[in-house]
Amino acid sequence: MKYLMFVCTDTEPDTDPAPETDIDVWVDKHDASGQRLQGIGLGPKSAATTVRVRNGRTLVSDGPFAETKELIVGFDVLECADLDEAIEVAREHPMARGGRIEIRPLADWSQ
C-alpha cells in the first residue's frame, strides 16, 4: 500500500538529548528496502502561493493560507505492507523528533 508521509515542523520538538538519526542514513536505508519511493523537500514558506476560488473569482495570496507556526517542509511516498509498517518507517525519520510526521494512505481511484 502506498502512503504519503508529510514531514512537518512542530513548536514542541522532542527534548531527549540522544542523537537523532542522520537524514542521509534514513534515506539510504528506506530507499534500499524499497519502502521509500520518492521524497522531496519544499522551498521556504515565503515562496508559497495559495490559490482559492470564491464566487467565481480566483483569489491568490502569498505564503501559506493558514496562520500557523507548523509547516510542511517536505514529503515522502512510501510503499509499505500496512499502516504499522509505515509508522515504523516514519518513527525513524529525524523530523519525528524535531517536528512531526503525518501519514496518509494514497487513494486508490481504480476501485
PDB file of N, CA and C in Angstrom:
ATOM      1  N   MET A   1       0.850  -1.178   0.000  1.00  0.00           N
ATOM      2  CA  MET A   1       0.000   0.000   0.000  1.00  0.00           C
ATOM      3  C   MET A   1       0.895   1.240   0.000  1.00  0.00           C
ATOM      4  N   LYS A   2       0.461   2.250  -0.720  1.00  0.00           N
ATOM      5  CA  LYS A   2       1.242   3.486  -0.789  1.00  0.00           C
ATOM      6  C   LYS A   2       0.707   4.505   0.226  1.00  0.00           C
ATOM      7  N   TYR A   3       1.650   5.200   0.846  1.00  0.00           N
ATOM      8  CA  TYR A   3       1.327   6.230   1.826  1.00  0.00           C
ATOM      9  C   TYR A   3       2.082   7.502   1.479  1.00  0.00           C
ATOM     10  N   LEU A   4       1.446   8.637   1.729  1.00  0.00           N
ATOM     11  CA  LEU A   4       2.118   9.930   1.638  1.00  0.00           C
ATOM     12  C   LEU A   4       2.501  10.323   3.047  1.00  0.00           C
ATOM     13  N   MET A   5       3.766  10.624   3.239  1.00  0.00           N
ATOM     14  CA  MET A   5       4.276  10.993   4.549  1.00  0.00           C
ATOM     15  C   MET A   5       4.657  12.474   4.506  1.00  0.00           C
ATOM     16  N   PHE A   6       3.855  13.311   5.164  1.00  0.00           N
ATOM     17  CA  PHE A   6       4.172  14.728   5.269  1.00  0.00           C
ATOM     18  C   PHE A   6       5.194  14.924   6.379  1.00  0.00           C
ATOM     19  N   VAL A   7       6.258  15.650   6.093  1.00  0.00           N
ATOM     20  CA  VAL A   7       7.280  15.985   7.080  1.00  0.00           C
ATOM     21  C   VAL A   7       7.033  17.428   7.490  1.00  0.00           C
ATOM     22  N   CYS A   8       6.775  17.646   8.783  1.00  0.00           N
ATOM     23  CA  CYS A   8       6.340  18.964   9.270  1.00  0.00           C
ATOM     24  C   CYS A   8       7.217  19.454  10.414  1.00  0.00           C
ATOM     25  N   THR A   9       7.270  20.768  10.542  1.00  0.00           N
ATOM     26  CA  THR A   9       7.886  21.348  11.728  1.00  0.00           C
ATOM     27  C   THR A   9       6.876  21.263  12.864  1.00  0.00           C
ATOM     28  N   ASP A  10       7.326  21.521  14.076  1.00  0.00           N
ATOM     29  CA  ASP A  10       6.451  21.493  15.244  1.00  0.00           C
ATOM     30  C   ASP A  10       6.980  22.486  16.263  1.00  0.00           C
ATOM     31  N   THR A  11       6.089  23.097  17.012  1.00  0.00           N
ATOM     32  CA  THR A  11       6.509  24.067  18.021  1.00  0.00           C
ATOM     33  C   THR A  11       6.991  23.391  19.300  1.00  0.00           C
ATOM     34  N   GLU A  12       6.790  22.075  19.424  1.00  0.00           N
ATOM     35  CA  GLU A  12       7.214  21.345  20.622  1.00  0.00           C
ATOM     36  C   GLU A  12       8.052  20.127  20.237  1.00  0.00           C
ATOM     37  N   PRO A  13       9.312  20.328  19.835  1.00  0.00           N
ATOM     38  CA  PRO A  13      10.151  19.193  19.467  1.00  0.00           C
ATOM     39  C   PRO A  13      10.525  18.354  20.684  1.00  0.00           C
ATOM     40  N   ASP A  14      10.997  17.141  20.421  1.00  0.00           N
ATOM     41  CA  ASP A  14      11.466  16.236  21.470  1.00  0.00           C
ATOM     42  C   ASP A  14      12.655  16.867  22.196  1.00  0.00           C
ATOM     43  N   THR A  15      12.722  16.680  23.503  1.00  0.00           N
ATOM     44  CA  THR A  15      13.828  17.235  24.287  1.00  0.00           C
ATOM     45  C   THR A  15      14.839  16.167  24.694  1.00  0.00           C
ATOM     46  N   ASP A  16      14.670  14.938  24.219  1.00  0.00           N
ATOM     47  CA  ASP A  16      15.610  13.859  24.515  1.00  0.00           C
ATOM     48  C   ASP A  16      16.978  14.229  23.945  1.00  0.00           C
ATOM     49  N   PRO A  17      18.047  14.182  24.756  1.00  0.00           N
ATOM     50  CA  PRO A  17      19.365  14.581  24.268  1.00  0.00           C
ATOM     51  C   PRO A  17      20.051  13.520  23.399  1.00  0.00           C
ATOM     52  N   ALA A  18      19.453  12.338  23.252  1.00  0.00           N
ATOM     53  CA  ALA A  18      20.064  11.298  22.417  1.00  0.00           C
ATOM     54  C   ALA A  18      20.187  11.792  20.980  1.00  0.00           C
ATOM     55  N   PRO A  19      21.249  11.397  20.286  1.00  0.00           N
ATOM     56  CA  PRO A  19      21.427  11.879  18.907  1.00  0.00           C
ATOM     57  C   PRO A  19      20.314  11.382  17.990  1.00  0.00           C
ATOM     58  N   GLU A  20      19.952  12.239  17.046  1.00  0.00           N
ATOM     59  CA  GLU A  20      18.937  11.884  16.057  1.00  0.00           C
ATOM     60  C   GLU A  20      19.583  11.079  14.932  1.00  0.00           C
ATOM     61  N   THR A  21      18.772  10.324  14.240  1.00  0.00           N
ATOM     62  CA  THR A  21      19.224   9.617  13.052  1.00  0.00           C
ATOM     63  C   THR A  21      19.602  10.643  11.989  1.00  0.00           C
ATOM     64  N   ASP A  22      20.692  10.412  11.292  1.00  0.00           N
ATOM     65  CA  ASP A  22      21.094  11.274  10.190  1.00  0.00           C
ATOM     66  C   ASP A  22      20.119  11.060   9.028  1.00  0.00           C
ATOM     67  N   ILE A  23      19.651  12.122   8.410  1.00  0.00           N
ATOM     68  CA  ILE A  23      18.663  12.018   7.343  1.00  0.00           C
ATOM     69  C   ILE A  23      19.191  11.202   6.168  1.00  0.00           C
ATOM     70  N   ASP A  24      20.471  11.311   5.854  1.00  0.00           N
ATOM     71  CA  ASP A  24      21.033  10.536   4.744  1.00  0.00           C
ATOM     72  C   ASP A  24      21.014   9.041   5.046  1.00  0.00           C
ATOM     73  N   VAL A  25      21.226   8.665   6.302  1.00  0.00           N
ATOM     74  CA  VAL A  25      21.163   7.260   6.718  1.00  0.00           C
ATOM     75  C   VAL A  25      19.727   6.759   6.569  1.00  0.00           C
ATOM     76  N   TRP A  26      18.753   7.566   7.012  1.00  0.00           N
ATOM     77  CA  TRP A  26      17.337   7.195   6.892  1.00  0.00           C
ATOM     78  C   TRP A  26      16.955   7.009   5.424  1.00  0.00           C
ATOM     79  N   VAL A  27      17.335   7.959   4.582  1.00  0.00           N
ATOM     80  CA  VAL A  27      17.010   7.894   3.151  1.00  0.00           C
ATOM     81  C   VAL A  27      17.631   6.644   2.527  1.00  0.00           C
ATOM     82  N   ASP A  28      18.925   6.422   2.760  1.00  0.00           N
ATOM     83  CA  ASP A  28      19.601   5.269   2.168  1.00  0.00           C
ATOM     84  C   ASP A  28      18.952   3.959   2.605  1.00  0.00           C
ATOM     85  N   LYS A  29      18.613   3.841   3.885  1.00  0.00           N
ATOM     86  CA  LYS A  29      18.013   2.607   4.411  1.00  0.00           C
ATOM     87  C   LYS A  29      16.673   2.315   3.742  1.00  0.00           C
ATOM     88  N   HIS A  30      15.815   3.321   3.660  1.00  0.00           N
ATOM     89  CA  HIS A  30      14.468   3.086   3.162  1.00  0.00           C
ATOM     90  C   HIS A  30      14.395   3.102   1.627  1.00  0.00           C
ATOM     91  N   ASP A  31      15.361   3.732   0.967  1.00  0.00           N
ATOM     92  CA  ASP A  31      15.469   3.591  -0.490  1.00  0.00           C
ATOM     93  C   ASP A  31      15.893   2.155  -0.825  1.00  0.00           C
ATOM     94  N   ALA A  32      16.882   1.646  -0.084  1.00  0.00           N
ATOM     95  CA  ALA A  32      17.392   0.291  -0.340  1.00  0.00           C
ATOM     96  C   ALA A  32      16.331  -0.779  -0.078  1.00  0.00           C
ATOM     97  N   SER A  33      15.483  -0.549   0.924  1.00  0.00           N
ATOM     98  CA  SER A  33      14.448  -1.534   1.254  1.00  0.00           C
ATOM     99  C   SER A  33      13.259  -1.477   0.296  1.00  0.00           C
ATOM    100  N   GLY A  34      13.166  -0.408  -0.489  1.00  0.00           N
ATOM    101  CA  GLY A  34      12.026  -0.225  -1.387  1.00  0.00           C
ATOM    102  C   GLY A  34      10.827   0.403  -0.707  1.00  0.00           C
ATOM    103  N   GLN A  35      10.963   0.772   0.564  1.00  0.00           N
ATOM    104  CA  GLN A  35       9.852   1.387   1.290  1.00  0.00           C
ATOM    105  C   GLN A  35       9.676   2.857   0.929  1.00  0.00           C
ATOM    106  N   ARG A  36      10.743   3.535   0.552  1.00  0.00           N
ATOM    107  CA  ARG A  36      10.683   4.946   0.160  1.00  0.00           C
ATOM    108  C   ARG A  36      10.761   5.028  -1.353  1.00  0.00           C
ATOM    109  N   LEU A  37       9.678   5.470  -1.980  1.00  0.00           N
ATOM    110  CA  LEU A  37       9.629   5.552  -3.433  1.00  0.00           C
ATOM    111  C   LEU A  37      10.110   6.898  -3.949  1.00  0.00           C
ATOM    112  N   GLN A  38       9.854   7.957  -3.179  1.00  0.00           N
ATOM    113  CA  GLN A  38      10.234   9.310  -3.587  1.00  0.00           C
ATOM    114  C   GLN A  38      10.207  10.205  -2.364  1.00  0.00           C
ATOM    115  N   GLY A  39      11.019  11.216  -2.355  1.00  0.00           N
ATOM    116  CA  GLY A  39      10.999  12.201  -1.290  1.00  0.00           C
ATOM    117  C   GLY A  39      11.534  13.518  -1.791  1.00  0.00           C
ATOM    118  N   ILE A  40      10.868  14.593  -1.401  1.00  0.00           N
ATOM    119  CA  ILE A  40      11.263  15.918  -1.872  1.00  0.00           C
ATOM    120  C   ILE A  40      11.040  16.922  -0.747  1.00  0.00           C
ATOM    121  N   GLY A  41      12.038  17.768  -0.513  1.00  0.00           N
ATOM    122  CA  GLY A  41      11.873  18.886   0.406  1.00  0.00           C
ATOM    123  C   GLY A  41      11.186  20.031  -0.315  1.00  0.00           C
ATOM    124  N   LEU A  42      10.532  20.875   0.440  1.00  0.00           N
ATOM    125  CA  LEU A  42       9.833  22.018  -0.149  1.00  0.00           C
ATOM    126  C   LEU A  42      10.630  23.296   0.060  1.00  0.00           C
ATOM    127  N   GLY A  43      10.396  24.260  -0.804  1.00  0.00           N
ATOM    128  CA  GLY A  43      11.028  25.570  -0.670  1.00  0.00           C
ATOM    129  C   GLY A  43      10.478  26.300   0.550  1.00  0.00           C
ATOM    130  N   PRO A  44      11.009  27.479   0.841  1.00  0.00           N
ATOM    131  CA  PRO A  44      10.576  28.219   2.036  1.00  0.00           C
ATOM    132  C   PRO A  44       9.126  28.693   1.919  1.00  0.00           C
ATOM    133  N   LYS A  45       8.499  28.898   3.082  1.00  0.00           N
ATOM    134  CA  LYS A  45       7.104  29.360   3.084  1.00  0.00           C
ATOM    135  C   LYS A  45       6.956  30.697   2.367  1.00  0.00           C
ATOM    136  N   SER A  46       8.017  31.483   2.324  1.00  0.00           N
ATOM    137  CA  SER A  46       7.954  32.774   1.629  1.00  0.00           C
ATOM    138  C   SER A  46       7.757  32.592   0.117  1.00  0.00           C
ATOM    139  N   ALA A  47       8.026  31.400  -0.406  1.00  0.00           N
ATOM    140  CA  ALA A  47       7.850  31.135  -1.830  1.00  0.00           C
ATOM    141  C   ALA A  47       6.485  30.509  -2.135  1.00  0.00           C
ATOM    142  N   ALA A  48       5.684  30.260  -1.096  1.00  0.00           N
ATOM    143  CA  ALA A  48       4.379  29.616  -1.286  1.00  0.00           C
ATOM    144  C   ALA A  48       3.355  30.596  -1.837  1.00  0.00           C
ATOM    145  N   THR A  49       2.423  30.062  -2.608  1.00  0.00           N
ATOM    146  CA  THR A  49       1.291  30.821  -3.126  1.00  0.00           C
ATOM    147  C   THR A  49       0.032  30.003  -2.861  1.00  0.00           C
ATOM    148  N   THR A  50      -0.985  30.634  -2.320  1.00  0.00           N
ATOM    149  CA  THR A  50      -2.257  29.964  -2.055  1.00  0.00           C
ATOM    150  C   THR A  50      -3.280  30.436  -3.075  1.00  0.00           C
ATOM    151  N   VAL A  51      -3.983  29.478  -3.675  1.00  0.00           N
ATOM    152  CA  VAL A  51      -4.992  29.775  -4.695  1.00  0.00           C
ATOM    153  C   VAL A  51      -6.342  29.264  -4.190  1.00  0.00           C
ATOM    154  N   ARG A  52      -7.336  30.138  -4.214  1.00  0.00           N
ATOM    155  CA  ARG A  52      -8.709  29.780  -3.847  1.00  0.00           C
ATOM    156  C   ARG A  52      -9.635  30.369  -4.897  1.00  0.00           C
ATOM    157  N   VAL A  53     -10.784  29.730  -5.094  1.00  0.00           N
ATOM    158  CA  VAL A  53     -11.823  30.283  -5.965  1.00  0.00           C
ATOM    159  C   VAL A  53     -13.058  30.488  -5.097  1.00  0.00           C
ATOM    160  N   ARG A  54     -13.566  31.724  -5.076  1.00  0.00           N
ATOM    161  CA  ARG A  54     -14.753  32.077  -4.288  1.00  0.00           C
ATOM    162  C   ARG A  54     -15.676  32.908  -5.165  1.00  0.00           C
ATOM    163  N   ASN A  55     -16.903  32.441  -5.310  1.00  0.00           N
ATOM    164  CA  ASN A  55     -17.898  33.139  -6.125  1.00  0.00           C
ATOM    165  C   ASN A  55     -17.382  33.432  -7.529  1.00  0.00           C
ATOM    166  N   GLY A  56     -16.661  32.452  -8.107  1.00  0.00           N
ATOM    167  CA  GLY A  56     -16.170  32.600  -9.468  1.00  0.00           C
ATOM    168  C   GLY A  56     -14.903  33.421  -9.610  1.00  0.00           C
ATOM    169  N   ARG A  57     -14.410  33.986  -8.511  1.00  0.00           N
ATOM    170  CA  ARG A  57     -13.190  34.806  -8.557  1.00  0.00           C
ATOM    171  C   ARG A  57     -12.001  33.994  -8.055  1.00  0.00           C
ATOM    172  N   THR A  58     -10.890  34.120  -8.742  1.00  0.00           N
ATOM    173  CA  THR A  58      -9.652  33.481  -8.303  1.00  0.00           C
ATOM    174  C   THR A  58      -8.943  34.413  -7.334  1.00  0.00           C
ATOM    175  N   LEU A  59      -8.708  33.927  -6.140  1.00  0.00           N
ATOM    176  CA  LEU A  59      -8.010  34.698  -5.107  1.00  0.00           C
ATOM    177  C   LEU A  59      -6.633  34.096  -4.910  1.00  0.00           C
ATOM    178  N   VAL A  60      -5.602  34.911  -5.060  1.00  0.00           N
ATOM    179  CA  VAL A  60      -4.223  34.460  -4.921  1.00  0.00           C
ATOM    180  C   VAL A  60      -3.573  35.254  -3.796  1.00  0.00           C
ATOM    181  N   SER A  61      -2.938  34.534  -2.872  1.00  0.00           N
ATOM    182  CA  SER A  61      -2.227  35.222  -1.786  1.00  0.00           C
ATOM    183  C   SER A  61      -0.848  34.610  -1.620  1.00  0.00           C
ATOM    184  N   ASP A  62       0.083  35.425  -1.154  1.00  0.00           N
ATOM    185  CA  ASP A  62       1.443  34.956  -0.903  1.00  0.00           C
ATOM    186  C   ASP A  62       1.476  34.153   0.384  1.00  0.00           C
ATOM    187  N   GLY A  63       2.312  33.137   0.381  1.00  0.00           N
ATOM    188  CA  GLY A  63       2.519  32.343   1.579  1.00  0.00           C
ATOM    189  C   GLY A  63       1.412  31.338   1.821  1.00  0.00           C
ATOM    190  N   PRO A  64       1.593  30.523   2.857  1.00  0.00           N
ATOM    191  CA  PRO A  64       0.551  29.551   3.202  1.00  0.00           C
ATOM    192  C   PRO A  64      -0.688  30.264   3.713  1.00  0.00           C
ATOM    193  N   PHE A  65      -1.859  29.714   3.435  1.00  0.00           N
ATOM    194  CA  PHE A  65      -3.114  30.350   3.837  1.00  0.00           C
ATOM    195  C   PHE A  65      -3.276  30.355   5.344  1.00  0.00           C
ATOM    196  N   ALA A  66      -2.982  29.237   5.982  1.00  0.00           N
ATOM    197  CA  ALA A  66      -3.185  29.127   7.433  1.00  0.00           C
ATOM    198  C   ALA A  66      -2.116  29.913   8.184  1.00  0.00           C
ATOM    199  N   GLU A  67      -2.537  30.653   9.170  1.00  0.00           N
ATOM    200  CA  GLU A  67      -1.597  31.336  10.062  1.00  0.00           C
ATOM    201  C   GLU A  67      -1.192  30.335  11.127  1.00  0.00           C
ATOM    202  N   THR A  68      -0.088  29.660  10.894  1.00  0.00           N
ATOM    203  CA  THR A  68       0.354  28.611  11.802  1.00  0.00           C
ATOM    204  C   THR A  68       1.869  28.613  11.892  1.00  0.00           C
ATOM    205  N   LYS A  69       2.377  28.120  12.981  1.00  0.00           N
ATOM    206  CA  LYS A  69       3.820  28.019  13.131  1.00  0.00           C
ATOM    207  C   LYS A  69       4.328  26.687  12.591  1.00  0.00           C
ATOM    208  N   GLU A  70       3.442  25.687  12.481  1.00  0.00           N
ATOM    209  CA  GLU A  70       3.820  24.401  11.928  1.00  0.00           C
ATOM    210  C   GLU A  70       3.688  24.458  10.410  1.00  0.00           C
ATOM    211  N   LEU A  71       4.684  23.944   9.710  1.00  0.00           N
ATOM    212  CA  LEU A  71       4.688  23.978   8.249  1.00  0.00           C
ATOM    213  C   LEU A  71       5.077  22.625   7.692  1.00  0.00           C
ATOM    214  N   ILE A  72       4.545  22.284   6.531  1.00  0.00           N
ATOM    215  CA  ILE A  72       5.008  21.111   5.806  1.00  0.00           C
ATOM    216  C   ILE A  72       6.311  21.507   5.122  1.00  0.00           C
ATOM    217  N   VAL A  73       7.379  20.771   5.389  1.00  0.00           N
ATOM    218  CA  VAL A  73       8.687  21.107   4.820  1.00  0.00           C
ATOM    219  C   VAL A  73       9.140  20.096   3.769  1.00  0.00           C
ATOM    220  N   GLY A  74       8.393  19.008   3.631  1.00  0.00           N
ATOM    221  CA  GLY A  74       8.745  18.010   2.632  1.00  0.00           C
ATOM    222  C   GLY A  74       7.771  16.855   2.675  1.00  0.00           C
ATOM    223  N   PHE A  75       7.981  15.907   1.776  1.00  0.00           N
ATOM    224  CA  PHE A  75       7.132  14.719   1.777  1.00  0.00           C
ATOM    225  C   PHE A  75       7.899  13.544   1.218  1.00  0.00           C
ATOM    226  N   ASP A  76       7.433  12.364   1.558  1.00  0.00           N
ATOM    227  CA  ASP A  76       7.957  11.123   1.016  1.00  0.00           C
ATOM    228  C   ASP A  76       6.775  10.257   0.625  1.00  0.00           C
ATOM    229  N   VAL A  77       6.934   9.492  -0.436  1.00  0.00           N
ATOM    230  CA  VAL A  77       5.938   8.494  -0.819  1.00  0.00           C
ATOM    231  C   VAL A  77       6.503   7.148  -0.400  1.00  0.00           C
ATOM    232  N   LEU A  78       5.740   6.429   0.414  1.00  0.00           N
ATOM    233  CA  LEU A  78       6.177   5.146   0.953  1.00  0.00           C
ATOM    234  C   LEU A  78       5.383   4.008   0.335  1.00  0.00           C
ATOM    235  N   GLU A  79       6.005   2.853   0.241  1.00  0.00           N
ATOM    236  CA  GLU A  79       5.333   1.612  -0.145  1.00  0.00           C
ATOM    237  C   GLU A  79       5.532   0.660   1.028  1.00  0.00           C
ATOM    238  N   CYS A  80       4.460   0.400   1.752  1.00  0.00           N
ATOM    239  CA  CYS A  80       4.536  -0.432   2.956  1.00  0.00           C
ATOM    240  C   CYS A  80       3.406  -1.457   2.937  1.00  0.00           C
ATOM    241  N   ALA A  81       3.607  -2.549   3.644  1.00  0.00           N
ATOM    242  CA  ALA A  81       2.600  -3.606   3.705  1.00  0.00           C
ATOM    243  C   ALA A  81       1.317  -3.118   4.357  1.00  0.00           C
ATOM    244  N   ASP A  82       1.464  -2.253   5.364  1.00  0.00           N
ATOM    245  CA  ASP A  82       0.302  -1.769   6.108  1.00  0.00           C
ATOM    246  C   ASP A  82       0.684  -0.517   6.895  1.00  0.00           C
ATOM    247  N   LEU A  83      -0.283   0.037   7.614  1.00  0.00           N
ATOM    248  CA  LEU A  83      -0.043   1.261   8.386  1.00  0.00           C
ATOM    249  C   LEU A  83       1.019   1.049   9.455  1.00  0.00           C
ATOM    250  N   ASP A  84       1.036  -0.116  10.087  1.00  0.00           N
ATOM    251  CA  ASP A  84       2.045  -0.373  11.122  1.00  0.00           C
ATOM    252  C   ASP A  84       3.464  -0.260  10.562  1.00  0.00           C
ATOM    253  N   GLU A  85       3.677  -0.783   9.370  1.00  0.00           N
ATOM    254  CA  GLU A  85       4.998  -0.683   8.753  1.00  0.00           C
ATOM    255  C   GLU A  85       5.311   0.770   8.403  1.00  0.00           C
ATOM    256  N   ALA A  86       4.323   1.510   7.905  1.00  0.00           N
ATOM    257  CA  ALA A  86       4.526   2.929   7.578  1.00  0.00           C
ATOM    258  C   ALA A  86       4.874   3.729   8.833  1.00  0.00           C
ATOM    259  N   ILE A  87       4.243   3.392   9.941  1.00  0.00           N
ATOM    260  CA  ILE A  87       4.553   4.071  11.207  1.00  0.00           C
ATOM    261  C   ILE A  87       5.990   3.793  11.620  1.00  0.00           C
ATOM    262  N   GLU A  88       6.457   2.562  11.456  1.00  0.00           N
ATOM    263  CA  GLU A  88       7.843   2.233  11.799  1.00  0.00           C
ATOM    264  C   GLU A  88       8.830   3.022  10.943  1.00  0.00           C
ATOM    265  N   VAL A  89       8.539   3.155   9.656  1.00  0.00           N
ATOM    266  CA  VAL A  89       9.399   3.948   8.768  1.00  0.00           C
ATOM    267  C   VAL A  89       9.397   5.407   9.230  1.00  0.00           C
ATOM    268  N   ALA A  90       8.223   5.944   9.530  1.00  0.00           N
ATOM    269  CA  ALA A  90       8.091   7.347   9.939  1.00  0.00           C
ATOM    270  C   ALA A  90       8.768   7.619  11.274  1.00  0.00           C
ATOM    271  N   ARG A  91       8.668   6.701  12.212  1.00  0.00           N
ATOM    272  CA  ARG A  91       9.243   6.935  13.550  1.00  0.00           C
ATOM    273  C   ARG A  91      10.759   7.042  13.517  1.00  0.00           C
ATOM    274  N   GLU A  92      11.388   6.479  12.467  1.00  0.00           N
ATOM    275  CA  GLU A  92      12.841   6.548  12.326  1.00  0.00           C
ATOM    276  C   GLU A  92      13.307   7.849  11.672  1.00  0.00           C
ATOM    277  N   HIS A  93      12.396   8.604  11.070  1.00  0.00           N
ATOM    278  CA  HIS A  93      12.767   9.854  10.389  1.00  0.00           C
ATOM    279  C   HIS A  93      13.189  10.884  11.442  1.00  0.00           C
ATOM    280  N   PRO A  94      14.278  11.618  11.222  1.00  0.00           N
ATOM    281  CA  PRO A  94      14.726  12.608  12.213  1.00  0.00           C
ATOM    282  C   PRO A  94      13.656  13.636  12.594  1.00  0.00           C
ATOM    283  N   MET A  95      12.794  14.002  11.662  1.00  0.00           N
ATOM    284  CA  MET A  95      11.772  15.006  11.984  1.00  0.00           C
ATOM    285  C   MET A  95      10.651  14.457  12.855  1.00  0.00           C
ATOM    286  N   ALA A  96      10.617  13.153  13.086  1.00  0.00           N
ATOM    287  CA  ALA A  96       9.645  12.610  14.037  1.00  0.00           C
ATOM    288  C   ALA A  96       9.975  13.113  15.441  1.00  0.00           C
ATOM    289  N   ARG A  97      11.246  13.438  15.670  1.00  0.00           N
ATOM    290  CA  ARG A  97      11.667  14.003  16.960  1.00  0.00           C
ATOM    291  C   ARG A  97      11.716  15.526  16.929  1.00  0.00           C
ATOM    292  N   GLY A  98      12.220  16.093  15.858  1.00  0.00           N
ATOM    293  CA  GLY A  98      12.371  17.536  15.775  1.00  0.00           C
ATOM    294  C   GLY A  98      11.124  18.243  15.277  1.00  0.00           C
ATOM    295  N   GLY A  99      10.218  17.503  14.703  1.00  0.00           N
ATOM    296  CA  GLY A  99       8.984  18.062  14.160  1.00  0.00           C
ATOM    297  C   GLY A  99       7.863  17.065  14.364  1.00  0.00           C
ATOM    298  N   ARG A 100       7.175  16.754  13.276  1.00  0.00           N
ATOM    299  CA  ARG A 100       6.140  15.718  13.329  1.00  0.00           C
ATOM    300  C   ARG A 100       5.945  15.158  11.940  1.00  0.00           C
ATOM    301  N   ILE A 101       5.412  13.954  11.895  1.00  0.00           N
ATOM    302  CA  ILE A 101       5.183  13.254  10.636  1.00  0.00           C
ATOM    303  C   ILE A 101       3.703  12.922  10.546  1.00  0.00           C
ATOM    304  N   GLU A 102       3.102  13.202   9.401  1.00  0.00           N
ATOM    305  CA  GLU A 102       1.711  12.811   9.161  1.00  0.00           C
ATOM    306  C   GLU A 102       1.714  11.797   8.026  1.00  0.00           C
ATOM    307  N   ILE A 103       1.022  10.688   8.235  1.00  0.00           N
ATOM    308  CA  ILE A 103       0.952   9.627   7.222  1.00  0.00           C
ATOM    309  C   ILE A 103      -0.490   9.502   6.752  1.00  0.00           C
ATOM    310  N   ARG A 104      -0.653   9.450   5.432  1.00  0.00           N
ATOM    311  CA  ARG A 104      -1.989   9.225   4.861  1.00  0.00           C
ATOM    312  C   ARG A 104      -1.882   8.205   3.740  1.00  0.00           C
ATOM    313  N   PRO A 105      -2.824   7.272   3.677  1.00  0.00           N
ATOM    314  CA  PRO A 105      -2.814   6.355   2.534  1.00  0.00           C
ATOM    315  C   PRO A 105      -3.166   7.129   1.270  1.00  0.00           C
ATOM    316  N   LEU A 106      -2.528   6.751   0.165  1.00  0.00           N
ATOM    317  CA  LEU A 106      -2.895   7.351  -1.109  1.00  0.00           C
ATOM    318  C   LEU A 106      -4.200   6.697  -1.574  1.00  0.00           C
ATOM    319  N   ALA A 107      -5.095   7.492  -2.079  1.00  0.00           N
ATOM    320  CA  ALA A 107      -6.379   6.985  -2.545  1.00  0.00           C
ATOM    321  C   ALA A 107      -6.179   6.100  -3.775  1.00  0.00           C
ATOM    322  N   ASP A 108      -6.905   5.012  -3.826  1.00  0.00           N
ATOM    323  CA  ASP A 108      -6.881   4.131  -4.983  1.00  0.00           C
ATOM    324  C   ASP A 108      -8.180   4.349  -5.755  1.00  0.00           C
ATOM    325  N   TRP A 109      -8.107   5.178  -6.797  1.00  0.00           N
ATOM    326  CA  TRP A 109      -9.302   5.549  -7.551  1.00  0.00           C
ATOM    327  C   TRP A 109      -9.714   4.467  -8.549  1.00  0.00           C
ATOM    328  N   SER A 110      -8.904   3.410  -8.679  1.00  0.00           N
ATOM    329  CA  SER A 110      -9.218   2.370  -9.653  1.00  0.00           C
ATOM    330  C   SER A 110     -10.296   1.406  -9.144  1.00  0.00           C
ATOM    331  N   GLN A 111     -10.626   1.454  -7.885  1.00  0.00           N
ATOM    332  CA  GLN A 111     -11.612   0.523  -7.315  1.00  0.00           C
ATOM    333  C   GLN A 111     -13.005   1.047  -7.457  1.00  0.00           C
TER     334      GLN A 111
END
